[in-house]
Protein backbone atom coordinates (compact mmCIF):
# COMPACT_ATOMS: atom_id res chain seq x y z
CA MET A 1 -60.08 15.47 -23.00
CA ILE A 2 -60.78 16.34 -26.62
CA LEU A 3 -58.49 18.90 -28.21
CA ILE A 4 -58.80 20.68 -31.53
CA ILE A 5 -55.39 20.64 -33.18
CA ARG A 6 -54.63 23.37 -35.73
CA GLU A 7 -50.84 23.04 -35.76
CA LYS A 8 -48.28 20.40 -34.79
CA ALA A 9 -49.34 18.99 -31.43
CA THR A 10 -47.10 19.27 -28.39
CA SER A 11 -45.97 16.22 -26.42
CA GLU A 12 -48.29 17.39 -23.62
CA GLU A 13 -51.28 17.53 -26.00
CA ILE A 14 -50.49 14.04 -27.29
CA SER A 15 -50.34 12.76 -23.70
CA LYS A 16 -53.69 14.34 -22.88
CA MET A 17 -55.34 12.85 -25.96
CA LEU A 18 -53.89 9.42 -25.10
CA GLU A 19 -55.33 9.40 -21.56
CA PRO A 20 -58.73 7.80 -22.31
CA LEU A 21 -57.49 4.85 -24.38
CA GLU A 22 -53.75 4.81 -23.51
CA THR A 23 -52.36 3.20 -26.68
CA TYR A 24 -54.16 5.12 -29.43
CA ILE A 25 -56.05 8.35 -30.06
CA LYS A 26 -59.51 8.59 -31.58
CA VAL A 27 -59.57 11.48 -34.05
CA ALA A 28 -61.96 13.25 -36.35
CA VAL A 29 -60.32 15.06 -39.25
CA ASP A 30 -61.82 18.04 -41.07
CA THR A 31 -60.36 17.60 -44.55
CA GLU A 32 -61.65 20.97 -45.74
CA ARG A 33 -60.17 23.07 -42.93
CA GLN A 34 -57.22 20.69 -42.47
CA ILE A 35 -57.54 20.41 -38.70
CA LEU A 36 -58.38 17.56 -36.35
CA ALA A 37 -59.94 16.89 -32.99
CA GLY A 38 -58.49 14.10 -30.89
CA GLY A 39 -59.00 12.38 -27.57
CA GLY A 40 -62.05 11.02 -25.84
CA ILE A 41 -63.64 7.61 -26.23
CA LEU A 42 -65.88 8.13 -29.30
CA HIS A 43 -65.11 9.48 -32.75
CA ALA A 44 -68.52 11.15 -32.54
CA ASP A 45 -67.33 13.29 -29.61
CA CYS A 46 -64.39 14.51 -31.69
CA GLU A 47 -66.73 15.13 -34.62
CA ALA A 48 -69.05 17.15 -32.35
CA GLU A 49 -66.14 19.41 -31.34
CA LEU A 50 -65.29 20.11 -34.98
CA LEU A 51 -68.94 20.78 -35.82
CA ALA A 52 -69.22 23.20 -32.88
CA ASP A 53 -66.08 24.89 -34.24
CA GLY A 54 -67.81 25.53 -37.59
CA GLY A 55 -66.96 22.36 -39.49
CA ASN A 56 -69.04 20.81 -42.27
CA GLN A 57 -70.07 17.22 -41.48
CA ASP A 58 -69.48 16.09 -45.07
CA GLU A 59 -65.78 16.90 -44.63
CA ILE A 60 -65.23 15.29 -41.20
CA TRP A 61 -63.93 11.71 -41.09
CA GLY A 62 -63.01 9.41 -38.23
CA ALA A 63 -59.77 7.51 -37.73
CA ASP A 64 -57.41 6.25 -35.03
CA TRP A 65 -53.78 7.26 -34.54
CA ILE A 66 -51.40 4.74 -32.99
CA PRO A 67 -48.33 6.74 -31.89
CA ASP A 68 -46.06 3.75 -31.19
CA THR A 69 -46.30 2.47 -34.77
CA LYS A 70 -47.23 5.78 -36.45
CA GLN A 71 -50.15 3.92 -38.02
CA VAL A 72 -53.54 5.32 -39.02
CA ARG A 73 -56.65 3.12 -38.90
CA PHE A 74 -59.49 4.42 -41.05
CA GLU A 75 -62.49 2.86 -39.31
CA ALA A 76 -65.16 4.74 -37.35
CA LEU A 77 -68.92 4.68 -37.06
CA ILE A 78 -69.06 8.32 -38.18
CA ASN A 79 -67.69 7.21 -41.57
CA ILE A 80 -70.88 5.32 -42.49
CA ARG A 81 -72.39 7.72 -45.04
CA PRO A 82 -74.39 6.08 -47.78
CA ARG A 83 -75.39 9.46 -49.24
CA GLN A 84 -71.68 10.17 -49.79
CA GLY A 85 -71.02 6.70 -51.16
CA ASN A 86 -69.27 5.40 -48.03
CA ARG A 87 -71.28 2.39 -46.89
CA SER A 88 -68.87 0.99 -44.30
CA MET A 89 -67.00 2.12 -41.21
CA ARG A 90 -63.79 2.25 -43.26
CA ILE A 91 -63.08 5.31 -45.36
CA GLU A 92 -63.48 3.74 -48.79
CA ASP A 93 -62.33 6.59 -51.04
CA GLU A 94 -58.55 6.46 -51.48
CA GLN A 95 -58.25 10.23 -51.96
CA THR A 96 -60.14 10.92 -48.71
CA ARG A 97 -58.01 8.36 -46.84
CA SER A 98 -54.89 10.07 -48.17
CA LYS A 99 -56.11 13.50 -46.99
CA VAL A 100 -56.96 12.16 -43.54
CA GLU A 101 -53.62 10.38 -43.22
CA THR A 102 -51.64 13.43 -44.34
CA ILE A 103 -53.35 15.70 -41.80
CA ILE A 104 -52.88 13.20 -38.95
CA HIS A 105 -49.18 12.71 -39.73
CA ARG A 106 -48.65 16.47 -40.09
CA TYR A 107 -50.03 17.26 -36.63
CA LEU A 108 -49.41 14.16 -34.53
CA GLU A 109 -46.42 12.19 -35.86
CA ALA A 110 -43.50 14.11 -34.34
CA PRO A 111 -44.85 16.26 -31.52
CA ARG A 112 -43.12 19.47 -30.62
CA GLU A 113 -41.94 20.00 -27.10
């Protein structure tokens, strides 16, 4: 199940997003609107949800959230964007990585009950 998260996630939402992969959550983060979509098996599925919700592809980046360690991994196929200067799966721009990490921590780090 892919959920669009616009405010701090609940424990139930975190559990639902963890179902497909069990130990981590695939996310796509809209840095412009400061929201994220999480869950599912592919970052592209999360990205598609944000695009359907009115997002701009240039502002959507993929990452993984590992709840047990509170770690963010910045690698996803959707991040390969030569026209934006990102030629690898990893988000190369430090400012973009910081935005993605901040949004993920804000909404997923300490779920509300």
